[in-house]
Structure formats: structure tokens, C-alpha cells
């Protein structure tokens, strides 16, 4: 899903440029919503038996995006340190 990648990229950009936390939370919250939608969508594929490479690739992508956005909301300063961009 390109929207998932775009919103996660926006969250990372807001994190790097040190925008206000409210902007970061809105971006990450929307990205989490889209990622959860993708997880549920791919879960329906698994429920009906569509077991192919794209199923696992999209599922992994959604989990990675959920992790990035969750960390950006939970502890933005610590996440900046992990990324090596702390000021």
C-alpha cells in the first residue's frame, strides 16, 4: 500500500525535522490506522487460503510500519537517539 509507506515516511520526516508532537501524533496515528487496515486485509487472505509471497511481504511491511509509528508516538526522543539524529 503506497499510502502506508507515504504516511510512515511523513512520520519519519516529522520526527527528523523535530516538528511539534501533535503533528507527529496525527501522522503516526493515521499511519497506524492504515497499517492495521492492511493487517486485517491480509489476514482475510490467509483465512481464505491465499498463501503466496505477496501475502507475507505485505504482512511484514504492515508490521514494520506499525512498529516505526508506534515507537514514534511512544518515545520520540528515544527513537531519535536510536536513529542517530538526536540533537
C-alpha atoms as a PDB file:
ATOM      1  CA  UNK A   1       0.000   0.000   0.000  1.00  0.00           C
ATOM      2  CA  UNK A   2       1.639   3.233  -1.060  1.00  0.00           C
ATOM      3  CA  UNK A   3      -0.400   5.224   1.472  1.00  0.00           C
ATOM      4  CA  UNK A   4       1.118   3.194   4.285  1.00  0.00           C
ATOM      5  CA  UNK A   5       4.649   3.918   3.093  1.00  0.00           C
ATOM      6  CA  UNK A   6       3.923   7.598   2.458  1.00  0.00           C
ATOM      7  CA  UNK A   7       2.437   8.166   5.899  1.00  0.00           C
ATOM      8  CA  UNK A   8       5.253   6.306   7.633  1.00  0.00           C
ATOM      9  CA  UNK A   9       7.770   8.346   5.634  1.00  0.00           C
ATOM     10  CA  UNK A  10       5.936  11.511   6.681  1.00  0.00           C
ATOM     11  CA  UNK A  11       6.151  10.413  10.309  1.00  0.00           C
ATOM     12  CA  UNK A  12       9.887   9.876   9.979  1.00  0.00           C
ATOM     13  CA  UNK A  13      10.286  13.268   8.288  1.00  0.00           C
ATOM     14  CA  UNK A  14       8.361  14.987  11.072  1.00  0.00           C
ATOM     15  CA  UNK A  15      10.500  13.136  13.608  1.00  0.00           C
ATOM     16  CA  UNK A  16      13.776  14.124  11.950  1.00  0.00           C
ATOM     17  CA  UNK A  17      12.760  17.773  11.444  1.00  0.00           C
ATOM     18  CA  UNK A  18      11.504  17.933  15.059  1.00  0.00           C
ATOM     19  CA  UNK A  19       8.010  19.165  14.303  1.00  0.00           C
ATOM     20  CA  UNK A  20       5.603  19.596  17.243  1.00  0.00           C
ATOM     21  CA  UNK A  21       4.480  16.372  18.872  1.00  0.00           C
ATOM     22  CA  UNK A  22       0.852  16.954  17.912  1.00  0.00           C
ATOM     23  CA  UNK A  23       1.761  16.834  14.208  1.00  0.00           C
ATOM     24  CA  UNK A  24       3.829  13.719  14.814  1.00  0.00           C
ATOM     25  CA  UNK A  25       0.963  12.038  16.659  1.00  0.00           C
ATOM     26  CA  UNK A  26      -1.568  12.816  13.924  1.00  0.00           C
ATOM     27  CA  UNK A  27       0.721  11.486  11.214  1.00  0.00           C
ATOM     28  CA  UNK A  28       1.691   8.362  13.136  1.00  0.00           C
ATOM     29  CA  UNK A  29      -1.907   7.751  14.238  1.00  0.00           C
ATOM     30  CA  UNK A  30      -3.173   7.880  10.681  1.00  0.00           C
ATOM     31  CA  UNK A  31      -0.312   5.639   9.543  1.00  0.00           C
ATOM     32  CA  UNK A  32      -1.151   3.134  12.283  1.00  0.00           C
ATOM     33  CA  UNK A  33      -4.782   3.111  11.174  1.00  0.00           C
ATOM     34  CA  UNK A  34      -3.769   2.391   7.575  1.00  0.00           C
ATOM     35  CA  UNK A  35      -1.287  -0.288   8.661  1.00  0.00           C
ATOM     36  CA  UNK A  36      -3.906  -2.007  10.823  1.00  0.00           C
ATOM     37  CA  UNK A  37      -6.285  -1.947   7.871  1.00  0.00           C
ATOM     38  CA  UNK A  38      -3.629  -3.694   5.798  1.00  0.00           C
ATOM     39  CA  UNK A  39      -3.038  -6.294   8.533  1.00  0.00           C
ATOM     40  CA  UNK A  40      -6.744  -7.123   8.647  1.00  0.00           C
ATOM     41  CA  UNK A  41      -6.962  -7.206   4.862  1.00  0.00           C
ATOM     42  CA  UNK A  42      -4.026  -9.599   4.554  1.00  0.00           C
ATOM     43  CA  UNK A  43      -5.470 -11.691   7.399  1.00  0.00           C
ATOM     44  CA  UNK A  44      -8.559 -12.266   5.273  1.00  0.00           C
ATOM     45  CA  UNK A  45      -6.273 -13.567   2.522  1.00  0.00           C
ATOM     46  CA  UNK A  46      -4.807 -16.052   4.973  1.00  0.00           C
ATOM     47  CA  UNK A  47      -8.292 -17.024   6.154  1.00  0.00           C
ATOM     48  CA  UNK A  48      -9.384 -17.982   2.637  1.00  0.00           C
ATOM     49  CA  UNK A  49      -6.124 -19.771   1.847  1.00  0.00           C
ATOM     50  CA  UNK A  50      -4.198 -17.291  -0.291  1.00  0.00           C
ATOM     51  CA  UNK A  51      -0.709 -18.239   0.817  1.00  0.00           C
ATOM     52  CA  UNK A  52       1.781 -16.620  -1.524  1.00  0.00           C
ATOM     53  CA  UNK A  53       4.846 -14.396  -1.254  1.00  0.00           C
ATOM     54  CA  UNK A  54       2.906 -11.090  -1.511  1.00  0.00           C
ATOM     55  CA  UNK A  55       0.808 -12.154   1.462  1.00  0.00           C
ATOM     56  CA  UNK A  56       3.831 -12.374   3.736  1.00  0.00           C
ATOM     57  CA  UNK A  57       5.575  -9.367   2.187  1.00  0.00           C
ATOM     58  CA  UNK A  58       2.576  -7.085   2.779  1.00  0.00           C
ATOM     59  CA  UNK A  59       2.040  -8.503   6.259  1.00  0.00           C
ATOM     60  CA  UNK A  60       5.703  -7.842   7.137  1.00  0.00           C
ATOM     61  CA  UNK A  61       5.508  -4.341   5.693  1.00  0.00           C
ATOM     62  CA  UNK A  62       2.468  -3.559   7.831  1.00  0.00           C
ATOM     63  CA  UNK A  63       4.170  -4.851  10.987  1.00  0.00           C
ATOM     64  CA  UNK A  64       7.303  -2.791  10.277  1.00  0.00           C
ATOM     65  CA  UNK A  65       5.212   0.343   9.704  1.00  0.00           C
ATOM     66  CA  UNK A  66       3.255  -0.310  12.898  1.00  0.00           C
ATOM     67  CA  UNK A  67       6.498  -0.642  14.842  1.00  0.00           C
ATOM     68  CA  UNK A  68       8.020   2.542  13.427  1.00  0.00           C
ATOM     69  CA  UNK A  69       4.900   4.608  14.049  1.00  0.00           C
ATOM     70  CA  UNK A  70       4.327   3.114  17.486  1.00  0.00           C
ATOM     71  CA  UNK A  71       7.862   3.986  18.549  1.00  0.00           C
ATOM     72  CA  UNK A  72       7.470   7.490  17.127  1.00  0.00           C
ATOM     73  CA  UNK A  73       4.381   8.047  19.272  1.00  0.00           C
ATOM     74  CA  UNK A  74       5.579   6.290  22.426  1.00  0.00           C
ATOM     75  CA  UNK A  75       9.059   7.794  22.772  1.00  0.00           C
ATOM     76  CA  UNK A  76      10.075  10.236  20.042  1.00  0.00           C
ATOM     77  CA  UNK A  77      13.249  11.408  21.805  1.00  0.00           C
ATOM     78  CA  UNK A  78      14.462   7.848  22.378  1.00  0.00           C
ATOM     79  CA  UNK A  79      13.583   6.942  18.773  1.00  0.00           C
ATOM     80  CA  UNK A  80      15.671   9.914  17.554  1.00  0.00           C
ATOM     81  CA  UNK A  81      18.607   8.556  19.576  1.00  0.00           C
ATOM     82  CA  UNK A  82      18.159   5.089  18.084  1.00  0.00           C
ATOM     83  CA  UNK A  83      18.149   6.594  14.599  1.00  0.00           C
ATOM     84  CA  UNK A  84      21.247   8.631  15.482  1.00  0.00           C
ATOM     85  CA  UNK A  85      19.660  12.029  14.875  1.00  0.00           C
ATOM     86  CA  UNK A  86      19.409  13.317  18.448  1.00  0.00           C
ATOM     87  CA  UNK A  87      20.369  16.961  18.888  1.00  0.00           C
END
